[in-house]
């Protein structure tokens, strides 16, 4: 795994649990890319605005210690099995508290962005952005009004 520069070891442990719980599985998505997803999240965190970059680890700690507080469970999130962690994450997305919903939605967005832009996942979904760009440029060139704008073919 690549060296992570922006996440502490505790943040990494919490994110590993979240990734294992909420990333898509089955239907061709069982790629062993959790480390790559984590590395991409680490890269994205460096690009966040300063206040979000500072608050992100705090939000992860809230996710970690939420089960003992909100569910009266003696287990932290990073020690939950993936199925229980998934249920916990889903319950946070439906929380009555808007900041809790927003926190979980933000973490879920980071995981999904990192997951769905991985080359293995794009191949599984048959997404070829480079070919799509070439085709789009060709279609745009064909639809230009050459007489009006004087574009050469």
C-alpha atoms as a PDB file:
ATOM      1  CA  UNK A   1       0.000   0.000   0.000  1.00  0.00           C
ATOM      2  CA  UNK A   2       1.181   3.527  -0.764  1.00  0.00           C
ATOM      3  CA  UNK A   3       2.359   5.755   2.057  1.00  0.00           C
ATOM      4  CA  UNK A   4      -0.573   7.790   3.386  1.00  0.00           C
ATOM      5  CA  UNK A   5       0.318  11.407   4.097  1.00  0.00           C
ATOM      6  CA  UNK A   6      -2.865  13.080   5.274  1.00  0.00           C
ATOM      7  CA  UNK A   7      -4.594  10.522   7.470  1.00  0.00           C
ATOM      8  CA  UNK A   8      -3.565   9.413  10.933  1.00  0.00           C
ATOM      9  CA  UNK A   9      -3.401   5.687  11.765  1.00  0.00           C
ATOM     10  CA  UNK A  10      -6.647   5.980  13.754  1.00  0.00           C
ATOM     11  CA  UNK A  11      -8.406   7.715  10.851  1.00  0.00           C
ATOM     12  CA  UNK A  12      -7.145   4.944   8.570  1.00  0.00           C
ATOM     13  CA  UNK A  13      -8.598   2.279  10.886  1.00  0.00           C
ATOM     14  CA  UNK A  14     -11.984   4.001  10.955  1.00  0.00           C
ATOM     15  CA  UNK A  15     -12.014   4.514   7.181  1.00  0.00           C
ATOM     16  CA  UNK A  16     -11.095   0.857   6.586  1.00  0.00           C
ATOM     17  CA  UNK A  17     -14.209  -0.137   8.515  1.00  0.00           C
ATOM     18  CA  UNK A  18     -16.389   2.321   6.601  1.00  0.00           C
ATOM     19  CA  UNK A  19     -14.957   1.192   3.246  1.00  0.00           C
ATOM     20  CA  UNK A  20     -15.458  -2.487   4.080  1.00  0.00           C
ATOM     21  CA  UNK A  21     -19.023  -1.773   5.149  1.00  0.00           C
ATOM     22  CA  UNK A  22     -20.383   0.513   2.431  1.00  0.00           C
ATOM     23  CA  UNK A  23     -18.438  -0.090  -0.759  1.00  0.00           C
ATOM     24  CA  UNK A  24     -20.364  -1.994  -3.429  1.00  0.00           C
ATOM     25  CA  UNK A  25     -19.962  -5.767  -3.477  1.00  0.00           C
ATOM     26  CA  UNK A  26     -21.109  -8.460  -5.873  1.00  0.00           C
ATOM     27  CA  UNK A  27     -22.174  -7.957  -9.481  1.00  0.00           C
ATOM     28  CA  UNK A  28     -18.536  -7.788 -10.593  1.00  0.00           C
ATOM     29  CA  UNK A  29     -17.482  -5.249  -7.937  1.00  0.00           C
ATOM     30  CA  UNK A  30     -15.499  -7.618  -5.713  1.00  0.00           C
ATOM     31  CA  UNK A  31     -12.149  -6.136  -6.664  1.00  0.00           C
ATOM     32  CA  UNK A  32      -9.468  -6.173  -3.941  1.00  0.00           C
ATOM     33  CA  UNK A  33      -9.038  -2.389  -4.081  1.00  0.00           C
ATOM     34  CA  UNK A  34      -9.774  -1.237  -0.528  1.00  0.00           C
ATOM     35  CA  UNK A  35      -6.172  -0.024  -0.113  1.00  0.00           C
ATOM     36  CA  UNK A  36      -6.426   1.920  -3.361  1.00  0.00           C
ATOM     37  CA  UNK A  37      -9.710   3.486  -2.246  1.00  0.00           C
ATOM     38  CA  UNK A  38      -8.087   4.475   1.041  1.00  0.00           C
ATOM     39  CA  UNK A  39      -5.079   5.977  -0.769  1.00  0.00           C
ATOM     40  CA  UNK A  40      -7.403   7.986  -3.038  1.00  0.00           C
ATOM     41  CA  UNK A  41      -9.338   9.306  -0.021  1.00  0.00           C
ATOM     42  CA  UNK A  42      -6.002  10.306   1.519  1.00  0.00           C
ATOM     43  CA  UNK A  43      -5.181  12.213  -1.673  1.00  0.00           C
ATOM     44  CA  UNK A  44      -8.611  13.903  -1.744  1.00  0.00           C
ATOM     45  CA  UNK A  45      -8.410  14.960   1.911  1.00  0.00           C
ATOM     46  CA  UNK A  46      -5.358  17.084   1.070  1.00  0.00           C
ATOM     47  CA  UNK A  47      -7.504  18.988  -1.445  1.00  0.00           C
ATOM     48  CA  UNK A  48     -10.328  19.809   0.971  1.00  0.00           C
ATOM     49  CA  UNK A  49     -10.785  23.376   2.208  1.00  0.00           C
ATOM     50  CA  UNK A  50      -8.806  23.993   5.417  1.00  0.00           C
ATOM     51  CA  UNK A  51     -11.789  23.835   7.785  1.00  0.00           C
ATOM     52  CA  UNK A  52     -13.005  20.538   6.307  1.00  0.00           C
ATOM     53  CA  UNK A  53      -9.477  19.132   6.337  1.00  0.00           C
ATOM     54  CA  UNK A  54      -9.225  19.924  10.051  1.00  0.00           C
ATOM     55  CA  UNK A  55     -12.732  18.719  10.841  1.00  0.00           C
ATOM     56  CA  UNK A  56     -12.546  15.449   8.910  1.00  0.00           C
ATOM     57  CA  UNK A  57     -10.602  13.520  11.580  1.00  0.00           C
ATOM     58  CA  UNK A  58     -12.997  14.802  14.233  1.00  0.00           C
ATOM     59  CA  UNK A  59     -15.955  13.606  12.190  1.00  0.00           C
ATOM     60  CA  UNK A  60     -14.353  10.196  11.841  1.00  0.00           C
ATOM     61  CA  UNK A  61     -13.951  10.030  15.634  1.00  0.00           C
ATOM     62  CA  UNK A  62     -17.652  10.797  15.995  1.00  0.00           C
ATOM     63  CA  UNK A  63     -18.430   7.897  13.665  1.00  0.00           C
ATOM     64  CA  UNK A  64     -16.090   5.673  15.664  1.00  0.00           C
ATOM     65  CA  UNK A  65     -17.612   6.459  19.049  1.00  0.00           C
ATOM     66  CA  UNK A  66     -21.214   6.735  17.864  1.00  0.00           C
ATOM     67  CA  UNK A  67     -22.297   3.157  18.660  1.00  0.00           C
ATOM     68  CA  UNK A  68     -21.503   3.358  22.401  1.00  0.00           C
ATOM     69  CA  UNK A  69     -23.258   6.726  22.591  1.00  0.00           C
ATOM     70  CA  UNK A  70     -26.249   6.343  20.253  1.00  0.00           C
ATOM     71  CA  UNK A  71     -26.873   2.600  20.328  1.00  0.00           C
ATOM     72  CA  UNK A  72     -25.796   1.787  23.881  1.00  0.00           C
ATOM     73  CA  UNK A  73     -23.304  -0.731  22.481  1.00  0.00           C
ATOM     74  CA  UNK A  74     -19.962  -1.386  24.061  1.00  0.00           C
ATOM     75  CA  UNK A  75     -18.295  -1.759  20.656  1.00  0.00           C
ATOM     76  CA  UNK A  76     -16.771   1.022  18.619  1.00  0.00           C
ATOM     77  CA  UNK A  77     -17.450   1.103  14.889  1.00  0.00           C
ATOM     78  CA  UNK A  78     -13.963  -0.091  13.908  1.00  0.00           C
ATOM     79  CA  UNK A  79     -14.562  -3.299  15.871  1.00  0.00           C
ATOM     80  CA  UNK A  80     -17.927  -4.083  14.309  1.00  0.00           C
ATOM     81  CA  UNK A  81     -18.343  -6.760  11.663  1.00  0.00           C
ATOM     82  CA  UNK A  82     -19.008  -5.248   8.196  1.00  0.00           C
ATOM     83  CA  UNK A  83     -22.732  -6.113   8.270  1.00  0.00           C
ATOM     84  CA  UNK A  84     -23.270  -4.337  11.578  1.00  0.00           C
ATOM     85  CA  UNK A  85     -21.130  -1.394  10.463  1.00  0.00           C
ATOM     86  CA  UNK A  86     -23.245  -1.119   7.303  1.00  0.00           C
ATOM     87  CA  UNK A  87     -26.435  -1.020   9.382  1.00  0.00           C
ATOM     88  CA  UNK A  88     -24.885   1.604  11.634  1.00  0.00           C
ATOM     89  CA  UNK A  89     -23.828   3.751   8.651  1.00  0.00           C
ATOM     90  CA  UNK A  90     -27.299   3.465   7.129  1.00  0.00           C
ATOM     91  CA  UNK A  91     -28.871   4.522  10.410  1.00  0.00           C
ATOM     92  CA  UNK A  92     -26.629   7.607  10.454  1.00  0.00           C
ATOM     93  CA  UNK A  93     -27.835   8.531   6.965  1.00  0.00           C
ATOM     94  CA  UNK A  94     -31.378   8.526   8.354  1.00  0.00           C
ATOM     95  CA  UNK A  95     -30.556  10.332  11.604  1.00  0.00           C
ATOM     96  CA  UNK A  96     -32.840  13.069  12.873  1.00  0.00           C
ATOM     97  CA  UNK A  97     -29.765  15.242  13.365  1.00  0.00           C
ATOM     98  CA  UNK A  98     -28.778  17.050  10.175  1.00  0.00           C
ATOM     99  CA  UNK A  99     -25.044  17.323  11.068  1.00  0.00           C
ATOM    100  CA  UNK A 100     -24.875  13.562  11.585  1.00  0.00           C
ATOM    101  CA  UNK A 101     -26.595  12.899   8.252  1.00  0.00           C
ATOM    102  CA  UNK A 102     -24.271  15.370   6.539  1.00  0.00           C
ATOM    103  CA  UNK A 103     -21.160  13.813   8.085  1.00  0.00           C
ATOM    104  CA  UNK A 104     -22.087  10.306   6.998  1.00  0.00           C
ATOM    105  CA  UNK A 105     -23.147  11.480   3.530  1.00  0.00           C
ATOM    106  CA  UNK A 106     -19.791  13.231   3.116  1.00  0.00           C
ATOM    107  CA  UNK A 107     -17.789  10.168   4.148  1.00  0.00           C
ATOM    108  CA  UNK A 108     -19.936   7.960   1.911  1.00  0.00           C
ATOM    109  CA  UNK A 109     -19.342  10.357  -0.986  1.00  0.00           C
ATOM    110  CA  UNK A 110     -15.576  10.177  -0.503  1.00  0.00           C
ATOM    111  CA  UNK A 111     -15.682   6.374  -0.476  1.00  0.00           C
ATOM    112  CA  UNK A 112     -17.886   6.180  -3.571  1.00  0.00           C
ATOM    113  CA  UNK A 113     -15.851   8.749  -5.536  1.00  0.00           C
ATOM    114  CA  UNK A 114     -12.635   6.872  -4.760  1.00  0.00           C
ATOM    115  CA  UNK A 115     -14.238   3.502  -5.517  1.00  0.00           C
ATOM    116  CA  UNK A 116     -16.006   4.369  -8.768  1.00  0.00           C
ATOM    117  CA  UNK A 117     -13.020   6.117 -10.335  1.00  0.00           C
ATOM    118  CA  UNK A 118     -10.730   3.115  -9.840  1.00  0.00           C
ATOM    119  CA  UNK A 119      -9.625   1.690 -13.232  1.00  0.00           C
ATOM    120  CA  UNK A 120     -10.757  -1.867 -12.348  1.00  0.00           C
ATOM    121  CA  UNK A 121     -14.251  -0.643 -11.476  1.00  0.00           C
ATOM    122  CA  UNK A 122     -14.443   1.473 -14.626  1.00  0.00           C
ATOM    123  CA  UNK A 123     -13.502  -1.588 -16.696  1.00  0.00           C
ATOM    124  CA  UNK A 124     -16.174  -3.638 -14.911  1.00  0.00           C
ATOM    125  CA  UNK A 125     -18.765  -0.995 -15.759  1.00  0.00           C
ATOM    126  CA  UNK A 126     -17.439  -0.817 -19.325  1.00  0.00           C
ATOM    127  CA  UNK A 127     -16.681   2.895 -18.971  1.00  0.00           C
ATOM    128  CA  UNK A 128     -13.985   4.174 -21.289  1.00  0.00           C
ATOM    129  CA  UNK A 129     -13.677   7.910 -20.798  1.00  0.00           C
ATOM    130  CA  UNK A 130     -10.869   8.296 -23.324  1.00  0.00           C
ATOM    131  CA  UNK A 131     -12.949   6.692 -26.094  1.00  0.00           C
ATOM    132  CA  UNK A 132     -15.984   8.732 -25.066  1.00  0.00           C
ATOM    133  CA  UNK A 133     -13.999  11.965 -25.310  1.00  0.00           C
ATOM    134  CA  UNK A 134     -12.756  11.073 -28.797  1.00  0.00           C
ATOM    135  CA  UNK A 135     -16.272  10.218 -29.950  1.00  0.00           C
ATOM    136  CA  UNK A 136     -17.706  13.406 -28.453  1.00  0.00           C
ATOM    137  CA  UNK A 137     -15.130  15.516 -30.266  1.00  0.00           C
ATOM    138  CA  UNK A 138     -15.891  13.720 -33.522  1.00  0.00           C
ATOM    139  CA  UNK A 139     -19.643  14.264 -33.089  1.00  0.00           C
ATOM    140  CA  UNK A 140     -19.147  17.941 -32.281  1.00  0.00           C
ATOM    141  CA  UNK A 141     -16.979  18.373 -35.362  1.00  0.00           C
ATOM    142  CA  UNK A 142     -19.667  16.757 -37.521  1.00  0.00           C
ATOM    143  CA  UNK A 143     -22.400  19.026 -36.217  1.00  0.00           C
ATOM    144  CA  UNK A 144     -20.577  22.313 -36.712  1.00  0.00           C
ATOM    145  CA  UNK A 145     -22.175  24.671 -39.183  1.00  0.00           C
ATOM    146  CA  UNK A 146     -19.146  24.956 -41.440  1.00  0.00           C
ATOM    147  CA  UNK A 147     -20.800  27.445 -43.814  1.00  0.00           C
ATOM    148  CA  UNK A 148     -21.747  29.831 -41.008  1.00  0.00           C
ATOM    149  CA  UNK A 149     -18.614  29.602 -38.876  1.00  0.00           C
ATOM    150  CA  UNK A 150     -16.058  28.676 -41.511  1.00  0.00           C
ATOM    151  CA  UNK A 151     -14.578  25.672 -39.683  1.00  0.00           C
ATOM    152  CA  UNK A 152     -12.597  23.433 -42.035  1.00  0.00           C
ATOM    153  CA  UNK A 153     -13.348  19.743 -42.110  1.00  0.00           C
END
